[in-house]
Amino acid sequence: MGLWRLLEGFLLLANALAILNEDRFLACRGWSFSEFSARPTRSFKGQVIGLIYATQYMRVPLILLNTICIVVKFVSG
């Protein structure tokens, strides 16, 4: 496993976190951002919720990184 495969794995993980819907998936499991925005928390759950919402705000750079990854895969085979 090379560095490129590791970076692709992180990109796929970021894509998975970016498409999670708050209303349909997160809120019914108690992972809503509104529960943790009132008081900052350092718990693991609070950190994961912050990571999920950070990736959702970074959708445009994710689109660019996905495009670069597709072009590199297309060129290198």
N, C-alpha and C. Protein backbone atom coordinates (compact mmCIF):
# COMPACT_ATOMS: atom_id res chain seq x y z
N MET A 1 0.85 -1.17 0.00
CA MET A 1 0.00 0.00 0.00
C MET A 1 0.89 1.23 0.00
N GLY A 2 0.72 2.04 -0.99
CA GLY A 2 1.53 3.24 -1.12
C GLY A 2 0.85 4.46 -0.56
N LEU A 3 1.55 5.55 -0.66
CA LEU A 3 1.03 6.83 -0.16
C LEU A 3 -0.19 7.27 -0.97
N TRP A 4 -0.18 7.01 -2.29
CA TRP A 4 -1.31 7.40 -3.12
C TRP A 4 -2.58 6.69 -2.70
N ARG A 5 -2.48 5.38 -2.42
CA ARG A 5 -3.66 4.61 -1.98
C ARG A 5 -4.18 5.12 -0.63
N LEU A 6 -3.27 5.50 0.26
CA LEU A 6 -3.67 6.04 1.55
C LEU A 6 -4.41 7.37 1.38
N LEU A 7 -3.91 8.23 0.51
CA LEU A 7 -4.58 9.50 0.24
C LEU A 7 -5.94 9.29 -0.42
N GLU A 8 -6.04 8.29 -1.30
CA GLU A 8 -7.34 7.97 -1.90
C GLU A 8 -8.33 7.48 -0.84
N GLY A 9 -7.85 6.72 0.11
CA GLY A 9 -8.71 6.25 1.20
C GLY A 9 -9.24 7.40 2.04
N PHE A 10 -8.38 8.36 2.36
CA PHE A 10 -8.83 9.53 3.11
C PHE A 10 -9.82 10.37 2.30
N LEU A 11 -9.60 10.45 0.99
CA LEU A 11 -10.53 11.18 0.14
C LEU A 11 -11.89 10.49 0.11
N LEU A 12 -11.91 9.17 0.05
CA LEU A 12 -13.17 8.43 0.07
C LEU A 12 -13.88 8.60 1.42
N LEU A 13 -13.12 8.61 2.50
CA LEU A 13 -13.71 8.85 3.82
C LEU A 13 -14.30 10.25 3.92
N ALA A 14 -13.60 11.24 3.39
CA ALA A 14 -14.12 12.61 3.40
C ALA A 14 -15.38 12.71 2.56
N ASN A 15 -15.42 12.00 1.43
CA ASN A 15 -16.63 11.99 0.60
C ASN A 15 -17.80 11.37 1.36
N ALA A 16 -17.53 10.29 2.07
CA ALA A 16 -18.60 9.63 2.83
C ALA A 16 -19.15 10.54 3.92
N LEU A 17 -18.29 11.27 4.59
CA LEU A 17 -18.74 12.18 5.64
C LEU A 17 -19.48 13.39 5.07
N ALA A 18 -19.08 13.81 3.88
CA ALA A 18 -19.68 15.02 3.29
C ALA A 18 -21.10 14.80 2.82
N ILE A 19 -21.48 13.56 2.52
CA ILE A 19 -22.83 13.33 1.98
C ILE A 19 -23.84 12.93 3.04
N LEU A 20 -23.43 12.84 4.30
CA LEU A 20 -24.38 12.49 5.36
C LEU A 20 -25.41 13.61 5.52
N ASN A 21 -26.66 13.25 5.54
CA ASN A 21 -27.74 14.20 5.68
C ASN A 21 -28.12 14.33 7.16
N GLU A 22 -28.20 15.57 7.64
CA GLU A 22 -28.50 15.78 9.06
C GLU A 22 -29.92 15.34 9.41
N ASP A 23 -30.87 15.70 8.57
CA ASP A 23 -32.28 15.39 8.88
C ASP A 23 -32.57 13.90 8.82
N ARG A 24 -32.04 13.22 7.83
CA ARG A 24 -32.39 11.82 7.63
C ARG A 24 -31.52 10.84 8.39
N PHE A 25 -30.29 11.23 8.72
CA PHE A 25 -29.38 10.28 9.33
C PHE A 25 -28.86 10.72 10.70
N LEU A 26 -28.37 11.94 10.78
CA LEU A 26 -27.68 12.37 12.00
C LEU A 26 -28.62 12.73 13.14
N ALA A 27 -29.69 13.46 12.86
CA ALA A 27 -30.57 13.95 13.92
C ALA A 27 -31.30 12.82 14.63
N CYS A 28 -31.72 11.80 13.89
CA CYS A 28 -32.47 10.72 14.54
C CYS A 28 -31.57 9.84 15.41
N ARG A 29 -30.27 9.96 15.26
CA ARG A 29 -29.33 9.21 16.09
C ARG A 29 -28.70 10.07 17.20
N GLY A 30 -29.14 11.31 17.30
CA GLY A 30 -28.63 12.20 18.34
C GLY A 30 -27.29 12.83 18.00
N TRP A 31 -26.95 12.89 16.72
CA TRP A 31 -25.68 13.46 16.29
C TRP A 31 -25.88 14.80 15.59
N SER A 32 -26.89 15.53 15.96
CA SER A 32 -27.19 16.81 15.33
C SER A 32 -26.21 17.88 15.82
N PHE A 33 -25.87 18.79 14.91
CA PHE A 33 -24.93 19.85 15.26
C PHE A 33 -25.56 20.85 16.21
N SER A 34 -26.87 20.99 16.19
CA SER A 34 -27.54 21.96 17.06
C SER A 34 -27.43 21.55 18.54
N GLU A 35 -27.27 20.28 18.82
CA GLU A 35 -27.11 19.82 20.20
C GLU A 35 -25.77 20.24 20.79
N PHE A 36 -24.76 20.34 19.93
CA PHE A 36 -23.42 20.62 20.42
C PHE A 36 -22.95 22.03 20.12
N SER A 37 -23.71 22.80 19.35
CA SER A 37 -23.27 24.15 19.02
C SER A 37 -23.44 25.12 20.18
N ALA A 38 -24.37 24.85 21.08
CA ALA A 38 -24.62 25.75 22.21
C ALA A 38 -23.45 25.73 23.19
N ARG A 39 -22.93 24.55 23.44
CA ARG A 39 -21.80 24.45 24.37
C ARG A 39 -20.71 23.59 23.72
N PRO A 40 -19.51 24.14 23.57
CA PRO A 40 -18.44 23.35 22.97
C PRO A 40 -18.03 22.20 23.89
N THR A 41 -17.79 21.06 23.29
CA THR A 41 -17.42 19.89 24.05
C THR A 41 -16.17 19.25 23.46
N ARG A 42 -15.42 18.59 24.31
CA ARG A 42 -14.21 17.92 23.86
C ARG A 42 -14.37 16.41 23.87
N SER A 43 -15.60 15.95 23.93
CA SER A 43 -15.83 14.51 23.92
C SER A 43 -15.59 13.97 22.51
N PHE A 44 -15.46 12.67 22.43
CA PHE A 44 -15.23 12.03 21.15
C PHE A 44 -16.39 12.27 20.19
N LYS A 45 -17.60 12.18 20.72
CA LYS A 45 -18.80 12.41 19.90
C LYS A 45 -18.81 13.84 19.36
N GLY A 46 -18.47 14.80 20.19
CA GLY A 46 -18.42 16.20 19.76
C GLY A 46 -17.36 16.43 18.70
N GLN A 47 -16.22 15.76 18.84
CA GLN A 47 -15.15 15.90 17.85
C GLN A 47 -15.57 15.29 16.51
N VAL A 48 -16.24 14.14 16.54
CA VAL A 48 -16.69 13.51 15.30
C VAL A 48 -17.75 14.36 14.61
N ILE A 49 -18.67 14.92 15.39
CA ILE A 49 -19.70 15.80 14.81
C ILE A 49 -19.05 17.02 14.18
N GLY A 50 -18.05 17.58 14.82
CA GLY A 50 -17.31 18.71 14.24
C GLY A 50 -16.61 18.32 12.94
N LEU A 51 -16.05 17.11 12.90
CA LEU A 51 -15.39 16.64 11.68
C LEU A 51 -16.40 16.46 10.54
N ILE A 52 -17.57 15.92 10.86
CA ILE A 52 -18.60 15.72 9.84
C ILE A 52 -19.03 17.06 9.25
N TYR A 53 -19.27 18.05 10.09
CA TYR A 53 -19.71 19.34 9.59
C TYR A 53 -18.59 20.11 8.91
N ALA A 54 -17.36 19.87 9.29
CA ALA A 54 -16.25 20.52 8.59
C ALA A 54 -16.12 19.98 7.17
N THR A 55 -16.32 18.67 6.99
CA THR A 55 -16.24 18.11 5.64
C THR A 55 -17.43 18.53 4.80
N GLN A 56 -18.58 18.77 5.43
CA GLN A 56 -19.73 19.22 4.65
C GLN A 56 -19.54 20.64 4.15
N TYR A 57 -18.80 21.46 4.87
CA TYR A 57 -18.53 22.82 4.41
C TYR A 57 -17.44 22.86 3.34
N MET A 58 -16.65 21.80 3.24
CA MET A 58 -15.55 21.76 2.29
C MET A 58 -15.90 20.96 1.04
N ARG A 59 -17.12 21.07 0.57
CA ARG A 59 -17.55 20.27 -0.59
C ARG A 59 -16.88 20.70 -1.89
N VAL A 60 -16.67 21.99 -2.09
CA VAL A 60 -16.05 22.46 -3.34
C VAL A 60 -14.61 21.96 -3.45
N PRO A 61 -13.78 22.07 -2.41
CA PRO A 61 -12.44 21.46 -2.52
C PRO A 61 -12.48 19.95 -2.69
N LEU A 62 -13.48 19.28 -2.12
CA LEU A 62 -13.61 17.84 -2.32
C LEU A 62 -13.92 17.52 -3.78
N ILE A 63 -14.74 18.35 -4.42
CA ILE A 63 -15.03 18.14 -5.83
C ILE A 63 -13.76 18.29 -6.66
N LEU A 64 -12.96 19.28 -6.34
CA LEU A 64 -11.70 19.48 -7.06
C LEU A 64 -10.73 18.32 -6.82
N LEU A 65 -10.62 17.86 -5.60
CA LEU A 65 -9.73 16.73 -5.30
C LEU A 65 -10.21 15.45 -5.99
N ASN A 66 -11.52 15.24 -6.04
CA ASN A 66 -12.06 14.09 -6.75
C ASN A 66 -11.75 14.17 -8.24
N THR A 67 -11.86 15.36 -8.81
CA THR A 67 -11.56 15.54 -10.22
C THR A 67 -10.09 15.25 -10.51
N ILE A 68 -9.21 15.73 -9.64
CA ILE A 68 -7.78 15.46 -9.80
C ILE A 68 -7.50 13.97 -9.70
N CYS A 69 -8.12 13.32 -8.74
CA CYS A 69 -7.92 11.89 -8.56
C CYS A 69 -8.41 11.11 -9.77
N ILE A 70 -9.54 11.48 -10.35
CA ILE A 70 -10.07 10.81 -11.53
C ILE A 70 -9.14 11.01 -12.73
N VAL A 71 -8.64 12.22 -12.90
CA VAL A 71 -7.74 12.50 -14.02
C VAL A 71 -6.45 11.69 -13.88
N VAL A 72 -5.88 11.65 -12.68
CA VAL A 72 -4.65 10.88 -12.46
C VAL A 72 -4.89 9.41 -12.71
N LYS A 73 -6.01 8.87 -12.24
CA LYS A 73 -6.33 7.47 -12.49
C LYS A 73 -6.52 7.20 -13.98
N PHE A 74 -7.14 8.14 -14.68
CA PHE A 74 -7.38 7.98 -16.10
C PHE A 74 -6.07 7.99 -16.88
N VAL A 75 -5.17 8.88 -16.51
CA VAL A 75 -3.89 9.00 -17.22
C VAL A 75 -2.96 7.83 -16.90
N SER A 76 -2.88 7.47 -15.61
CA SER A 76 -1.92 6.42 -15.21
C SER A 76 -2.42 5.01 -15.45
N GLY A 77 -3.70 4.87 -15.56
CA GLY A 77 -4.26 3.55 -15.87
C GLY A 77 -4.65 2.72 -14.74
